[in-house]
Amino acid sequence: MAAPSDFKPIIVGFLCNWCCYGGADLCGVSRFQYPPYLRVIRLMCSGRVDLEFIFRAFAKKADGVFIGGCHLGDCHYNPEGNYDALGNSFVAKRILENVGVDPDRLRLEWVSAGEGIRFAEVMNEFGAKIKNLGPLGSSEGREVADLQAGLEAATQLVPYFKLVERERFRVPKRTEEGYREFFAREDYEPLFKELVLDKLTMGRIMGALRAGEDSAGAIAQKLGVDPAEVARHLNLLSQQGMVRIDGSQVQLALAA
């Protein structure tokens, strides 16, 4: 769906105090031009950008989320705080895709305090991308309320995601190449699906049942999930005593 010509995106930007925020400040002082879509939240480190921040920004109807930090190797903390931001961006994009949000609406960039013109170039490019995608939900072909429900389910599972990341997804080589290699490994995707995405889909199914859906087909349509996947998860939830299945009808168990 094409974005309306008068559409003005809302982009939430989480900017590192030491580098990207300085770059944005230099951009303004130097009068470099970029679209006025960015709503800045200043943080001490890009590694402080929690998954919850990203999901809640989109749940509040942000059309895009931008994370700006120091160049890798130049972080003021550890000095590897921005590697946490890099890892979170990989995880967040997969989760956003699962709940129906276009992962291109999230962008991570490294901008130093002396790169005002680079900041302007990045924001012009990202602003144009979000303007082309249109308001949240338009490029996805989904109702915003359905996306919000998925984002809320993801937000509630953030503590679990952090535990899984610490125990099973620890990146052995803290370099940009090391992160890209780790998330591109053949064994990563099935493990991530089993430990993260399947758990998230179950949470979304439970949310759909609480919202009044009462059949696998209706749940699949509401969530944008393959009906076979919904049926598989409903059977698992039934075995766990969380739901009752009576023919084509599905209900929450009393204990749920």
Protein backbone atom coordinates (compact mmCIF):
# COMPACT_ATOMS: atom_id res chain seq x y z
CA MET A 1 0.00 0.00 0.00
CA ALA A 2 1.46 3.35 -1.00
CA ALA A 3 1.91 5.89 1.75
CA PRO A 4 -0.17 9.08 1.42
CA SER A 5 1.88 12.02 0.17
CA ASP A 6 1.10 14.07 3.31
CA PHE A 7 2.06 11.26 5.69
CA LYS A 8 4.48 12.45 8.39
CA PRO A 9 6.08 9.45 10.11
CA ILE A 10 6.75 9.21 13.82
CA ILE A 11 10.26 7.85 14.36
CA VAL A 12 11.47 7.20 17.89
CA GLY A 13 15.24 7.55 18.13
CA PHE A 14 17.32 6.10 20.97
CA LEU A 15 20.64 7.98 20.74
CA CYS A 16 23.86 7.29 22.63
CA ASN A 17 24.86 10.32 24.70
CA TRP A 18 28.56 10.14 23.82
CA CYS A 19 28.46 9.72 20.04
CA CYS A 20 25.21 9.67 18.08
CA TYR A 21 23.57 12.39 20.17
CA GLY A 22 26.67 14.51 19.64
CA GLY A 23 26.45 13.81 15.91
CA ALA A 24 22.81 14.89 15.91
CA ASP A 25 23.75 18.07 17.79
CA LEU A 26 26.54 18.84 15.31
CA CYS A 27 24.08 18.17 12.48
CA GLY A 28 21.76 20.84 13.89
CA VAL A 29 24.53 23.38 14.56
CA SER A 30 25.85 22.87 11.04
CA ARG A 31 22.33 23.28 9.61
CA PHE A 32 22.46 20.00 7.71
CA GLN A 33 18.92 19.19 6.59
CA TYR A 34 16.97 16.05 7.46
CA PRO A 35 13.22 15.34 7.90
CA PRO A 36 11.77 16.49 11.26
CA TYR A 37 10.30 13.09 12.05
CA LEU A 38 12.68 12.01 14.80
CA ARG A 39 11.58 12.00 18.47
CA VAL A 40 14.86 11.73 20.37
CA ILE A 41 15.38 9.76 23.59
CA ARG A 42 18.89 10.30 24.93
CA LEU A 43 20.56 7.34 26.62
CA MET A 44 24.04 6.91 28.02
CA CYS A 45 24.71 3.90 25.78
CA SER A 46 23.03 2.17 22.83
CA GLY A 47 23.44 -1.05 24.81
CA ARG A 48 20.84 0.35 27.21
CA VAL A 49 18.16 0.03 24.51
CA ASP A 50 16.16 -2.87 25.91
CA LEU A 51 13.98 -5.06 23.70
CA GLU A 52 11.04 -3.74 25.73
CA PHE A 53 11.82 -0.16 24.62
CA ILE A 54 11.61 -1.22 20.97
CA PHE A 55 8.38 -3.19 21.32
CA ARG A 56 6.67 -0.49 23.40
CA ALA A 57 7.63 2.22 20.90
CA PHE A 58 5.91 0.32 18.11
CA ALA A 59 2.98 -0.57 20.36
CA LYS A 60 2.50 3.18 20.89
CA LYS A 61 2.18 3.48 17.08
CA ALA A 62 5.68 4.63 16.19
CA ASP A 63 6.19 4.12 12.45
CA GLY A 64 9.91 3.51 12.87
CA VAL A 65 12.54 3.03 15.57
CA PHE A 66 16.12 4.21 15.18
CA ILE A 67 19.03 3.23 17.43
CA GLY A 68 22.24 5.26 17.15
CA GLY A 69 25.44 4.40 18.96
CA CYS A 70 29.22 4.75 18.94
CA HIS A 71 31.20 2.94 16.28
CA LEU A 72 32.13 -0.59 17.31
CA GLY A 73 35.32 -0.51 19.32
CA ASP A 74 34.69 3.06 20.50
CA CYS A 75 32.03 2.44 23.16
CA HIS A 76 32.58 4.29 26.46
CA TYR A 77 31.41 1.26 28.46
CA ASN A 78 33.14 -2.14 28.83
CA PRO A 79 34.08 -1.01 25.95
CA GLU A 80 31.51 -3.29 24.32
CA GLY A 81 28.10 -1.85 25.24
CA ASN A 82 27.21 -1.25 21.62
CA TYR A 83 27.67 -4.96 20.88
CA ASP A 84 24.68 -5.52 23.15
CA ALA A 85 22.74 -3.14 20.90
CA LEU A 86 23.88 -5.09 17.84
CA GLY A 87 22.73 -8.40 19.32
CA ASN A 88 19.41 -6.91 20.42
CA SER A 89 18.78 -5.57 16.92
CA PHE A 90 19.17 -9.04 15.39
CA VAL A 91 16.80 -10.56 17.97
CA ALA A 92 14.28 -7.68 17.78
CA LYS A 93 13.99 -7.89 13.99
CA ARG A 94 13.13 -11.60 14.13
CA ILE A 95 10.54 -11.03 16.84
CA LEU A 96 9.02 -8.04 15.03
CA GLU A 97 8.72 -10.13 11.89
CA ASN A 98 6.99 -12.88 13.88
CA VAL A 99 4.31 -10.51 15.23
CA GLY A 100 3.75 -8.97 11.78
CA VAL A 101 5.79 -5.75 11.96
CA ASP A 102 8.07 -5.08 8.97
CA PRO A 103 11.63 -5.44 10.40
CA ASP A 104 12.80 -2.66 8.06
CA ARG A 105 11.03 -0.27 10.44
CA LEU A 106 13.91 -0.83 12.90
CA ARG A 107 17.37 0.53 12.09
CA LEU A 108 20.67 0.51 13.97
CA GLU A 109 23.56 2.77 12.93
CA TRP A 110 26.92 3.88 14.31
CA VAL A 111 27.47 7.64 14.25
CA SER A 112 30.29 9.46 16.01
CA ALA A 113 30.03 12.90 17.61
CA GLY A 114 31.97 14.38 14.69
CA GLU A 115 29.75 12.89 11.97
CA GLY A 116 26.97 15.45 11.73
CA ILE A 117 26.66 15.06 7.97
CA ARG A 118 26.51 11.25 8.30
CA PHE A 119 23.70 11.61 10.83
CA ALA A 120 21.76 13.75 8.34
CA GLU A 121 22.38 11.24 5.53
CA VAL A 122 21.24 8.30 7.66
CA MET A 123 18.09 10.08 8.84
CA ASN A 124 17.21 11.26 5.33
CA GLU A 125 17.53 7.69 4.07
CA PHE A 126 15.64 6.12 6.97
CA GLY A 127 12.96 8.83 6.93
CA ALA A 128 12.37 8.20 3.23
CA LYS A 129 12.16 4.45 3.86
CA ILE A 130 9.55 4.85 6.62
CA LYS A 131 7.59 7.40 4.59
CA ASN A 132 7.47 4.90 1.73
CA LEU A 133 6.35 2.09 4.06
CA GLY A 134 3.56 4.31 5.36
CA PRO A 135 1.91 4.28 8.79
CA LEU A 136 2.45 1.23 10.97
CA GLY A 137 0.23 -1.56 9.65
CA SER A 138 -0.13 -0.24 6.10
CA SER A 139 2.82 -2.01 4.48
CA GLU A 140 2.15 -5.05 6.67
CA GLY A 141 -1.51 -5.24 5.63
CA ARG A 142 -2.50 -5.74 9.27
CA GLU A 143 -4.75 -3.94 11.72
CA VAL A 144 -2.76 -1.84 14.18
CA ALA A 145 -4.70 -3.36 17.09
CA ASP A 146 -3.57 -6.86 16.06
CA LEU A 147 0.04 -5.70 15.81
CA GLN A 148 -0.24 -4.05 19.22
CA ALA A 149 -1.52 -7.30 20.74
CA GLY A 150 1.48 -9.16 19.32
CA LEU A 151 3.89 -6.49 20.55
CA GLU A 152 2.35 -6.65 24.02
CA ALA A 153 2.82 -10.44 24.05
CA ALA A 154 6.45 -9.93 23.05
CA THR A 155 6.95 -7.30 25.75
CA GLN A 156 5.63 -9.63 28.45
CA LEU A 157 8.16 -12.28 27.37
CA VAL A 158 11.21 -9.98 27.39
CA PRO A 159 12.54 -11.38 30.73
CA TYR A 160 12.31 -14.88 29.24
CA PHE A 161 14.05 -13.74 26.04
CA LYS A 162 16.91 -12.32 28.12
CA LEU A 163 17.30 -15.60 30.00
CA VAL A 164 17.39 -17.58 26.74
CA GLU A 165 19.91 -15.16 25.27
CA ARG A 166 22.18 -15.48 28.30
CA GLU A 167 21.98 -19.26 28.48
CA ARG A 168 21.74 -20.34 24.84
CA PHE A 169 22.61 -17.45 22.52
CA ARG A 170 25.86 -16.13 23.95
CA VAL A 171 27.95 -14.82 21.02
CA PRO A 172 31.49 -16.22 21.41
CA LYS A 173 33.33 -13.59 19.34
CA ARG A 174 32.50 -9.96 20.23
CA THR A 175 33.11 -8.46 16.79
CA GLU A 176 30.65 -7.34 14.12
CA GLU A 177 31.71 -10.28 11.97
CA GLY A 178 31.32 -12.61 14.94
CA TYR A 179 27.74 -11.45 15.54
CA ARG A 180 26.78 -11.77 11.89
CA GLU A 181 28.31 -15.24 11.69
CA PHE A 182 26.53 -16.34 14.86
CA PHE A 183 23.08 -15.19 13.74
CA ALA A 184 23.63 -16.71 10.27
CA ARG A 185 24.54 -20.16 11.58
CA GLU A 186 22.42 -23.04 10.27
CA ASP A 187 21.59 -24.25 13.77
CA TYR A 188 20.55 -20.80 15.03
CA GLU A 189 17.20 -20.47 13.26
CA PRO A 190 15.61 -23.78 14.38
CA LEU A 191 16.83 -23.23 17.94
CA PHE A 192 15.56 -19.65 17.98
CA LYS A 193 12.19 -20.83 16.65
CA GLU A 194 11.93 -23.53 19.30
CA LEU A 195 13.02 -21.43 22.28
CA VAL A 196 11.71 -17.99 21.35
CA LEU A 197 9.28 -17.83 18.46
CA ASP A 198 7.20 -20.86 19.47
CA LYS A 199 6.89 -19.48 23.01
CA LEU A 200 5.82 -16.12 21.57
CA THR A 201 3.26 -17.72 19.26
CA MET A 202 1.73 -19.57 22.22
CA GLY A 203 1.46 -16.30 24.11
CA ARG A 204 -0.22 -14.64 21.15
CA ILE A 205 -2.67 -17.54 20.82
CA MET A 206 -3.60 -17.22 24.49
CA GLY A 207 -4.12 -13.50 23.94
CA ALA A 208 -6.40 -14.15 20.97
CA LEU A 209 -8.47 -16.57 23.06
CA ARG A 210 -8.80 -13.96 25.82
CA ALA A 211 -9.94 -11.49 23.14
CA GLY A 212 -12.82 -13.80 22.20
CA GLU A 213 -11.56 -15.91 19.30
CA ASP A 214 -12.82 -19.46 19.62
CA SER A 215 -11.49 -21.48 16.68
CA ALA A 216 -8.10 -22.34 15.23
CA GLY A 217 -9.04 -20.77 11.90
CA ALA A 218 -10.09 -17.47 13.45
CA ILE A 219 -6.94 -17.37 15.58
CA ALA A 220 -4.73 -18.08 12.56
CA GLN A 221 -6.38 -15.30 10.58
CA LYS A 222 -6.15 -12.80 13.43
CA LEU A 223 -2.48 -13.54 14.11
CA GLY A 224 -1.37 -14.01 10.51
CA VAL A 225 0.03 -17.43 11.45
CA ASP A 226 -0.18 -20.63 9.40
CA PRO A 227 -3.28 -22.63 10.52
CA ALA A 228 -1.17 -25.79 10.87
CA GLU A 229 1.14 -23.95 13.28
CA VAL A 230 -1.83 -22.72 15.31
CA ALA A 231 -3.25 -26.25 15.48
CA ARG A 232 0.13 -27.61 16.63
CA HIS A 233 0.41 -25.04 19.39
CA LEU A 234 -3.21 -25.53 20.48
CA ASN A 235 -2.54 -29.25 20.89
CA LEU A 236 0.50 -28.48 23.04
CA LEU A 237 -1.48 -25.98 25.11
CA SER A 238 -4.24 -28.56 25.51
CA GLN A 239 -1.73 -31.15 26.77
CA GLN A 240 -0.49 -28.56 29.28
CA GLY A 241 -4.05 -27.98 30.50
CA MET A 242 -4.12 -24.37 29.30
CA VAL A 243 -6.96 -24.76 26.76
CA ARG A 244 -9.84 -27.10 26.03
CA ILE A 245 -10.56 -28.25 22.49
CA ASP A 246 -14.09 -29.42 21.68
CA GLY A 247 -14.37 -30.19 18.00
CA SER A 248 -13.73 -26.92 16.18
CA GLN A 249 -14.20 -24.86 19.33
CA VAL A 250 -11.33 -23.79 21.55
CA GLN A 251 -11.69 -22.36 25.05
CA LEU A 252 -9.35 -21.24 27.78
CA ALA A 253 -9.14 -23.73 30.63
CA LEU A 254 -10.44 -22.38 33.93
CA ALA A 255 -6.91 -22.33 35.35
CA ALA A 256 -5.74 -20.08 32.50
